[in-house]
Amino acid sequence: MHVEALWRYPVKSLAGEPLQEAEFTDNGVAGDRLVHVQGPRGVLTGRTRYGLLTIPATTGPDGPLVDGHPWDSWEAHALVLPHGGRLTRYTGPERFDVLNVLVATDGQVAAAGIDVRRLRPNILIGGVEPGEEETWPGHALVVGDVVIGMFKQRSRCVVTTIDPDTGAQDLDVHRRIRHEFGGVLCLDSWVIQAGTVSVGDAVELVPTDEVPARVGGWIVGRPYAV
């Protein structure tokens, strides 16, 4: 197996940033979800604000950029204001819905027949047969010095129905995930041992007794702000 692709999401629920190399830290991928959209009654995400998912976000020398603008600039705020909130920086662990890394496998993505970007993973593992990821909870991925523990399969939500380029909704995507995959795709994961991962790196799957110290964030167990 190998690392097929890597992503970071500098702003929660905005578009992902593809990477050739990523630093995996105790707090997930360095630079991931440092900023979010805060509404008057709580965090706003692509689950209820579909248009956020199409807004480009990248990492600049001084932090996240929104469509090329510093996240704390008026130009950046103007892009999210129509969706009901303002950009806010917060780096606590609650900013991750479940755990701070999401792992996808090429076999399962191909079996689902969908654009992997709809699933918003941090890392895509190549060379995996369809169905294999279902047996991976309780195991870890070893990539050089990096060890990523896999906790459970991720329950998928309406975000998967949104085209990441156009914002158009296709409800059949989520129906297919529910009917053919029991509503779960990818793996909620966390960093056991930190280090740098590059596209093309070899990956080994090993059993582990490690468990995450914390599970759940702002969203788990609570409704999304509307």
C-alpha atoms as a PDB file:
ATOM      1  CA  MET A   1       0.000   0.000   0.000  1.00  0.00           C
ATOM      2  CA  HIS A   2       1.038   3.601  -0.453  1.00  0.00           C
ATOM      3  CA  VAL A   3      -0.067   7.174   0.167  1.00  0.00           C
ATOM      4  CA  GLU A   4      -2.123   8.124  -2.873  1.00  0.00           C
ATOM      5  CA  ALA A   5      -3.092  11.686  -1.878  1.00  0.00           C
ATOM      6  CA  LEU A   6      -3.101  14.163   1.021  1.00  0.00           C
ATOM      7  CA  TRP A   7      -5.369  17.096   1.908  1.00  0.00           C
ATOM      8  CA  ARG A   8      -5.630  19.862   4.453  1.00  0.00           C
ATOM      9  CA  TYR A   9      -8.701  21.999   5.202  1.00  0.00           C
ATOM     10  CA  PRO A  10      -7.378  25.358   6.469  1.00  0.00           C
ATOM     11  CA  VAL A  11     -10.938  26.591   7.080  1.00  0.00           C
ATOM     12  CA  LYS A  12     -13.531  24.160   8.394  1.00  0.00           C
ATOM     13  CA  SER A  13     -16.138  23.311   5.720  1.00  0.00           C
ATOM     14  CA  LEU A  14     -14.395  25.303   2.990  1.00  0.00           C
ATOM     15  CA  ALA A  15     -12.696  23.536   0.072  1.00  0.00           C
ATOM     16  CA  GLY A  16      -9.721  21.284   0.735  1.00  0.00           C
ATOM     17  CA  GLU A  17      -6.100  21.977  -0.175  1.00  0.00           C
ATOM     18  CA  PRO A  18      -4.236  19.092  -1.882  1.00  0.00           C
ATOM     19  CA  LEU A  19      -0.698  18.509  -0.596  1.00  0.00           C
ATOM     20  CA  GLN A  20       2.371  16.609  -1.713  1.00  0.00           C
ATOM     21  CA  GLU A  21       3.670  16.470   1.863  1.00  0.00           C
ATOM     22  CA  ALA A  22       1.960  16.910   5.223  1.00  0.00           C
ATOM     23  CA  GLU A  23       3.138  17.141   8.798  1.00  0.00           C
ATOM     24  CA  PHE A  24       1.034  14.900  11.025  1.00  0.00           C
ATOM     25  CA  THR A  25       1.044  16.213  14.591  1.00  0.00           C
ATOM     26  CA  ASP A  26      -0.712  15.304  17.834  1.00  0.00           C
ATOM     27  CA  ASN A  27      -3.317  17.807  16.655  1.00  0.00           C
ATOM     28  CA  GLY A  28      -3.830  16.276  13.212  1.00  0.00           C
ATOM     29  CA  VAL A  29      -2.403  17.658   9.974  1.00  0.00           C
ATOM     30  CA  ALA A  30      -0.513  20.873  10.670  1.00  0.00           C
ATOM     31  CA  GLY A  31      -2.637  23.840   9.559  1.00  0.00           C
ATOM     32  CA  ASP A  32      -5.889  21.876   9.420  1.00  0.00           C
ATOM     33  CA  ARG A  33      -9.139  23.637  10.370  1.00  0.00           C
ATOM     34  CA  LEU A  34      -7.503  26.569  12.133  1.00  0.00           C
ATOM     35  CA  VAL A  35     -10.444  28.812  11.211  1.00  0.00           C
ATOM     36  CA  HIS A  36     -14.186  28.142  11.147  1.00  0.00           C
ATOM     37  CA  VAL A  37     -17.381  29.985  10.293  1.00  0.00           C
ATOM     38  CA  GLN A  38     -19.147  31.178  13.426  1.00  0.00           C
ATOM     39  CA  GLY A  39     -22.831  32.041  13.256  1.00  0.00           C
ATOM     40  CA  PRO A  40     -24.936  33.835  15.870  1.00  0.00           C
ATOM     41  CA  ARG A  41     -25.983  30.503  17.420  1.00  0.00           C
ATOM     42  CA  GLY A  42     -22.926  28.349  16.861  1.00  0.00           C
ATOM     43  CA  VAL A  43     -20.575  26.853  14.321  1.00  0.00           C
ATOM     44  CA  LEU A  44     -21.790  26.822  10.720  1.00  0.00           C
ATOM     45  CA  THR A  45     -20.674  24.004   8.432  1.00  0.00           C
ATOM     46  CA  GLY A  46     -21.277  22.629   4.985  1.00  0.00           C
ATOM     47  CA  ARG A  47     -23.930  20.370   6.448  1.00  0.00           C
ATOM     48  CA  THR A  48     -26.383  23.275   6.469  1.00  0.00           C
ATOM     49  CA  ARG A  49     -24.471  25.853   4.376  1.00  0.00           C
ATOM     50  CA  TYR A  50     -23.713  23.942   1.179  1.00  0.00           C
ATOM     51  CA  GLY A  51     -22.120  26.911  -0.573  1.00  0.00           C
ATOM     52  CA  LEU A  52     -19.248  27.026   1.908  1.00  0.00           C
ATOM     53  CA  LEU A  53     -17.892  23.786   0.462  1.00  0.00           C
ATOM     54  CA  THR A  54     -17.064  25.461  -2.863  1.00  0.00           C
ATOM     55  CA  ILE A  55     -15.091  28.430  -1.465  1.00  0.00           C
ATOM     56  CA  PRO A  56     -11.334  27.913  -2.003  1.00  0.00           C
ATOM     57  CA  ALA A  57      -9.084  27.830   1.051  1.00  0.00           C
ATOM     58  CA  THR A  58      -5.307  27.439   1.112  1.00  0.00           C
ATOM     59  CA  THR A  59      -2.448  28.027   3.514  1.00  0.00           C
ATOM     60  CA  GLY A  60      -0.419  31.224   3.304  1.00  0.00           C
ATOM     61  CA  PRO A  61       2.739  32.309   5.128  1.00  0.00           C
ATOM     62  CA  ASP A  62       0.676  33.873   7.929  1.00  0.00           C
ATOM     63  CA  GLY A  63      -2.247  31.465   8.097  1.00  0.00           C
ATOM     64  CA  PRO A  64      -5.288  30.397   6.074  1.00  0.00           C
ATOM     65  CA  LEU A  65      -6.243  32.195   2.887  1.00  0.00           C
ATOM     66  CA  VAL A  66      -9.816  32.325   1.611  1.00  0.00           C
ATOM     67  CA  ASP A  67      -9.842  32.559  -2.184  1.00  0.00           C
ATOM     68  CA  GLY A  68      -6.368  34.086  -1.896  1.00  0.00           C
ATOM     69  CA  HIS A  69      -7.269  36.616   0.813  1.00  0.00           C
ATOM     70  CA  PRO A  70      -5.993  36.477   4.436  1.00  0.00           C
ATOM     71  CA  TRP A  71      -8.726  34.859   6.504  1.00  0.00           C
ATOM     72  CA  ASP A  72      -9.109  37.912   8.758  1.00  0.00           C
ATOM     73  CA  SER A  73      -9.440  40.395   5.881  1.00  0.00           C
ATOM     74  CA  TRP A  74     -12.675  42.032   4.841  1.00  0.00           C
ATOM     75  CA  GLU A  75     -12.438  40.329   1.436  1.00  0.00           C
ATOM     76  CA  ALA A  76     -12.388  36.892   3.086  1.00  0.00           C
ATOM     77  CA  HIS A  77     -15.240  37.701   5.471  1.00  0.00           C
ATOM     78  CA  ALA A  78     -17.305  38.998   2.548  1.00  0.00           C
ATOM     79  CA  LEU A  79     -17.172  35.539   0.957  1.00  0.00           C
ATOM     80  CA  VAL A  80     -18.744  33.796   3.957  1.00  0.00           C
ATOM     81  CA  LEU A  81     -21.087  36.511   5.225  1.00  0.00           C
ATOM     82  CA  PRO A  82     -23.811  35.529   2.706  1.00  0.00           C
ATOM     83  CA  HIS A  83     -23.824  32.107   4.375  1.00  0.00           C
ATOM     84  CA  GLY A  84     -24.708  33.590   7.768  1.00  0.00           C
ATOM     85  CA  GLY A  85     -21.456  33.777   9.708  1.00  0.00           C
ATOM     86  CA  ARG A  86     -18.013  35.268  10.158  1.00  0.00           C
ATOM     87  CA  LEU A  87     -14.572  33.691  10.070  1.00  0.00           C
ATOM     88  CA  THR A  88     -13.146  32.930  13.509  1.00  0.00           C
ATOM     89  CA  ARG A  89      -9.824  31.392  14.518  1.00  0.00           C
ATOM     90  CA  TYR A  90      -9.910  28.563  17.063  1.00  0.00           C
ATOM     91  CA  THR A  91      -7.303  25.817  17.473  1.00  0.00           C
ATOM     92  CA  GLY A  92      -8.790  23.663  20.244  1.00  0.00           C
ATOM     93  CA  PRO A  93      -9.543  19.974  19.636  1.00  0.00           C
ATOM     94  CA  GLU A  94     -13.289  20.606  19.539  1.00  0.00           C
ATOM     95  CA  ARG A  95     -12.922  21.900  15.981  1.00  0.00           C
ATOM     96  CA  PHE A  96     -12.766  18.307  14.701  1.00  0.00           C
ATOM     97  CA  ASP A  97     -16.137  16.577  14.453  1.00  0.00           C
ATOM     98  CA  VAL A  98     -14.918  13.182  15.702  1.00  0.00           C
ATOM     99  CA  LEU A  99     -11.122  12.760  15.525  1.00  0.00           C
ATOM    100  CA  ASN A 100      -8.400  14.864  13.928  1.00  0.00           C
ATOM    101  CA  VAL A 101      -7.561  12.667  10.914  1.00  0.00           C
ATOM    102  CA  LEU A 102      -9.821  11.068   8.312  1.00  0.00           C
ATOM    103  CA  VAL A 103      -8.443   8.140   6.286  1.00  0.00           C
ATOM    104  CA  ALA A 104      -9.910   7.017   2.942  1.00  0.00           C
ATOM    105  CA  THR A 105      -8.979   4.012   0.787  1.00  0.00           C
ATOM    106  CA  ASP A 106      -8.932   3.910  -2.991  1.00  0.00           C
ATOM    107  CA  GLY A 107     -10.775   0.597  -3.178  1.00  0.00           C
ATOM    108  CA  GLN A 108     -13.758   1.779  -1.170  1.00  0.00           C
ATOM    109  CA  VAL A 109     -13.915   5.136  -2.933  1.00  0.00           C
ATOM    110  CA  ALA A 110     -13.891   3.377  -6.313  1.00  0.00           C
ATOM    111  CA  ALA A 111     -16.589   0.963  -5.158  1.00  0.00           C
ATOM    112  CA  ALA A 112     -18.739   3.916  -4.110  1.00  0.00           C
ATOM    113  CA  GLY A 113     -18.147   5.548  -7.505  1.00  0.00           C
ATOM    114  CA  ILE A 114     -17.872   9.091  -6.152  1.00  0.00           C
ATOM    115  CA  ASP A 115     -15.413  11.967  -6.203  1.00  0.00           C
ATOM    116  CA  VAL A 116     -13.140  11.431  -3.195  1.00  0.00           C
ATOM    117  CA  ARG A 117     -13.298  15.159  -2.413  1.00  0.00           C
ATOM    118  CA  ARG A 118     -16.924  14.721  -1.324  1.00  0.00           C
ATOM    119  CA  LEU A 119     -15.609  12.595   1.571  1.00  0.00           C
ATOM    120  CA  ARG A 120     -13.086  15.241   2.736  1.00  0.00           C
ATOM    121  CA  PRO A 121     -10.302  12.883   3.880  1.00  0.00           C
ATOM    122  CA  ASN A 122      -6.832  13.956   5.033  1.00  0.00           C
ATOM    123  CA  ILE A 123      -5.125  10.937   3.515  1.00  0.00           C
ATOM    124  CA  LEU A 124      -6.051   8.500   0.735  1.00  0.00           C
ATOM    125  CA  ILE A 125      -4.382   5.090   0.888  1.00  0.00           C
ATOM    126  CA  GLY A 126      -3.788   3.399  -2.469  1.00  0.00           C
ATOM    127  CA  GLY A 127      -3.544  -0.297  -3.241  1.00  0.00           C
ATOM    128  CA  VAL A 128      -6.494  -1.306  -1.059  1.00  0.00           C
ATOM    129  CA  GLU A 129      -9.180  -3.766  -2.156  1.00  0.00           C
ATOM    130  CA  PRO A 130     -12.851  -2.785  -1.841  1.00  0.00           C
ATOM    131  CA  GLY A 131     -14.204  -3.745   1.569  1.00  0.00           C
ATOM    132  CA  GLU A 132     -10.808  -3.953   3.271  1.00  0.00           C
ATOM    133  CA  GLU A 133     -11.216  -0.728   5.222  1.00  0.00           C
ATOM    134  CA  GLU A 134     -14.168  -2.268   7.067  1.00  0.00           C
ATOM    135  CA  THR A 135     -11.666  -4.460   8.977  1.00  0.00           C
ATOM    136  CA  TRP A 136      -9.230  -1.668   9.800  1.00  0.00           C
ATOM    137  CA  PRO A 137     -10.599  -0.293  13.119  1.00  0.00           C
ATOM    138  CA  GLY A 138      -8.254  -1.497  15.850  1.00  0.00           C
ATOM    139  CA  HIS A 139      -5.293  -1.193  13.494  1.00  0.00           C
ATOM    140  CA  ALA A 140      -2.788   1.516  12.669  1.00  0.00           C
ATOM    141  CA  LEU A 141      -1.142   2.761   9.497  1.00  0.00           C
ATOM    142  CA  VAL A 142       2.640   3.008   9.688  1.00  0.00           C
ATOM    143  CA  VAL A 143       4.132   5.484   7.212  1.00  0.00           C
ATOM    144  CA  GLY A 144       7.842   5.819   7.912  1.00  0.00           C
ATOM    145  CA  ASP A 145       8.003   7.194  11.452  1.00  0.00           C
ATOM    146  CA  VAL A 146       4.330   8.206  11.472  1.00  0.00           C
ATOM    147  CA  VAL A 147       1.700   6.010  13.101  1.00  0.00           C
ATOM    148  CA  ILE A 148      -2.000   6.753  12.517  1.00  0.00           C
ATOM    149  CA  GLY A 149      -4.528   4.845  14.608  1.00  0.00           C
ATOM    150  CA  MET A 150      -7.918   3.969  13.165  1.00  0.00           C
ATOM    151  CA  PHE A 151     -10.842   4.151  15.560  1.00  0.00           C
ATOM    152  CA  LYS A 152     -14.019   3.466  13.579  1.00  0.00           C
ATOM    153  CA  GLN A 153     -15.672   3.937  10.218  1.00  0.00           C
ATOM    154  CA  ARG A 154     -17.126   7.389   9.617  1.00  0.00           C
ATOM    155  CA  SER A 155     -20.880   7.857   9.422  1.00  0.00           C
ATOM    156  CA  ARG A 156     -21.525  10.052   6.410  1.00  0.00           C
ATOM    157  CA  CYS A 157     -23.822  13.067   6.231  1.00  0.00           C
ATOM    158  CA  VAL A 158     -25.419  15.307   3.620  1.00  0.00           C
ATOM    159  CA  VAL A 159     -22.066  16.969   2.840  1.00  0.00           C
ATOM    160  CA  THR A 160     -21.320  14.024   0.524  1.00  0.00           C
ATOM    161  CA  THR A 161     -24.200  15.092  -1.726  1.00  0.00           C
ATOM    162  CA  ILE A 162     -22.611  18.440  -2.616  1.00  0.00           C
ATOM    163  CA  ASP A 163     -20.469  18.794  -5.747  1.00  0.00           C
ATOM    164  CA  PRO A 164     -17.229  20.409  -4.494  1.00  0.00           C
ATOM    165  CA  ASP A 165     -16.877  22.464  -7.681  1.00  0.00           C
ATOM    166  CA  THR A 166     -20.412  23.648  -8.402  1.00  0.00           C
ATOM    167  CA  GLY A 167     -22.276  23.293  -5.096  1.00  0.00           C
ATOM    168  CA  ALA A 168     -25.028  21.324  -6.868  1.00  0.00           C
ATOM    169  CA  GLN A 169     -26.694  18.663  -4.743  1.00  0.00           C
ATOM    170  CA  ASP A 170     -27.102  15.006  -5.731  1.00  0.00           C
ATOM    171  CA  LEU A 171     -29.050  13.163  -3.046  1.00  0.00           C
ATOM    172  CA  ASP A 172     -28.402   9.845  -4.768  1.00  0.00           C
ATOM    173  CA  VAL A 173     -24.808   9.966  -3.494  1.00  0.00           C
ATOM    174  CA  HIS A 174     -25.894   9.735   0.133  1.00  0.00           C
ATOM    175  CA  ARG A 175     -28.593   7.200  -0.678  1.00  0.00           C
ATOM    176  CA  ARG A 176     -25.978   4.956  -2.263  1.00  0.00           C
ATOM    177  CA  ILE A 177     -23.670   5.283   0.744  1.00  0.00           C
ATOM    178  CA  ARG A 178     -26.553   4.329   3.036  1.00  0.00           C
ATOM    179  CA  HIS A 179     -27.862   1.427   0.967  1.00  0.00           C
ATOM    180  CA  GLU A 180     -24.581  -0.090  -0.222  1.00  0.00           C
ATOM    181  CA  PHE A 181     -22.166   0.799   2.582  1.00  0.00           C
ATOM    182  CA  GLY A 182     -24.380   1.003   5.655  1.00  0.00           C
ATOM    183  CA  GLY A 183     -23.972   4.774   5.768  1.00  0.00           C
ATOM    184  CA  VAL A 184     -20.232   4.629   6.522  1.00  0.00           C
ATOM    185  CA  LEU A 185     -17.148   5.421   4.432  1.00  0.00           C
ATOM    186  CA  CYS A 186     -13.571   6.262   5.495  1.00  0.00           C
ATOM    187  CA  LEU A 187     -12.113   5.913   8.989  1.00  0.00           C
ATOM    188  CA  ASP A 188     -12.074   8.275  11.952  1.00  0.00           C
ATOM    189  CA  SER A 189      -8.414   8.277  12.926  1.00  0.00           C
ATOM    190  CA  TRP A 190      -5.810  10.026  15.059  1.00  0.00           C
ATOM    191  CA  VAL A 191      -2.053  10.477  15.216  1.00  0.00           C
ATOM    192  CA  ILE A 192      -0.286   8.059  17.562  1.00  0.00           C
ATOM    193  CA  GLN A 193       3.211   9.075  16.476  1.00  0.00           C
ATOM    194  CA  ALA A 194       3.904  12.358  14.688  1.00  0.00           C
ATOM    195  CA  GLY A 195       6.056  13.054  11.645  1.00  0.00           C
ATOM    196  CA  THR A 196       6.002  13.904   7.957  1.00  0.00           C
ATOM    197  CA  VAL A 197       4.105  11.972   5.273  1.00  0.00           C
ATOM    198  CA  SER A 198       4.570  12.387   1.511  1.00  0.00           C
ATOM    199  CA  VAL A 199       2.533  11.219  -1.463  1.00  0.00           C
ATOM    200  CA  GLY A 200       4.010   7.928  -2.654  1.00  0.00           C
ATOM    201  CA  ASP A 201       5.231   6.796   0.782  1.00  0.00           C
ATOM    202  CA  ALA A 202       4.837   3.089   1.549  1.00  0.00           C
ATOM    203  CA  VAL A 203       2.161   2.177   4.103  1.00  0.00           C
ATOM    204  CA  GLU A 204       1.987  -0.819   6.438  1.00  0.00           C
ATOM    205  CA  LEU A 205      -1.106  -1.942   8.351  1.00  0.00           C
ATOM    206  CA  VAL A 206      -0.487  -3.242  11.890  1.00  0.00           C
ATOM    207  CA  PRO A 207      -2.762  -4.108  14.838  1.00  0.00           C
ATOM    208  CA  THR A 208      -2.755  -1.727  17.804  1.00  0.00           C
ATOM    209  CA  ASP A 209      -4.142  -1.556  21.323  1.00  0.00           C
ATOM    210  CA  GLU A 210      -3.886   2.241  21.357  1.00  0.00           C
ATOM    211  CA  VAL A 211      -7.079   4.271  21.762  1.00  0.00           C
ATOM    212  CA  PRO A 212      -7.612   8.006  21.249  1.00  0.00           C
ATOM    213  CA  ALA A 213      -7.518  10.202  24.332  1.00  0.00           C
ATOM    214  CA  ARG A 214     -10.483  12.247  23.134  1.00  0.00           C
ATOM    215  CA  VAL A 215     -13.362  11.539  20.755  1.00  0.00           C
ATOM    216  CA  GLY A 216     -15.866  14.136  19.582  1.00  0.00           C
ATOM    217  CA  GLY A 217     -15.978  17.885  19.079  1.00  0.00           C
ATOM    218  CA  TRP A 218     -18.445  20.688  18.586  1.00  0.00           C
ATOM    219  CA  ILE A 219     -20.712  18.723  16.306  1.00  0.00           C
ATOM    220  CA  VAL A 220     -20.971  15.156  17.663  1.00  0.00           C
ATOM    221  CA  GLY A 221     -24.106  14.747  19.749  1.00  0.00           C
ATOM    222  CA  ARG A 222     -25.380  18.216  18.888  1.00  0.00           C
ATOM    223  CA  PRO A 223     -27.431  19.585  16.018  1.00  0.00           C
ATOM    224  CA  TYR A 224     -25.709  21.849  13.520  1.00  0.00           C
ATOM    225  CA  ALA A 225     -26.548  25.536  13.719  1.00  0.00           C
ATOM    226  CA  VAL A 226     -29.196  26.540  11.212  1.00  0.00           C
END
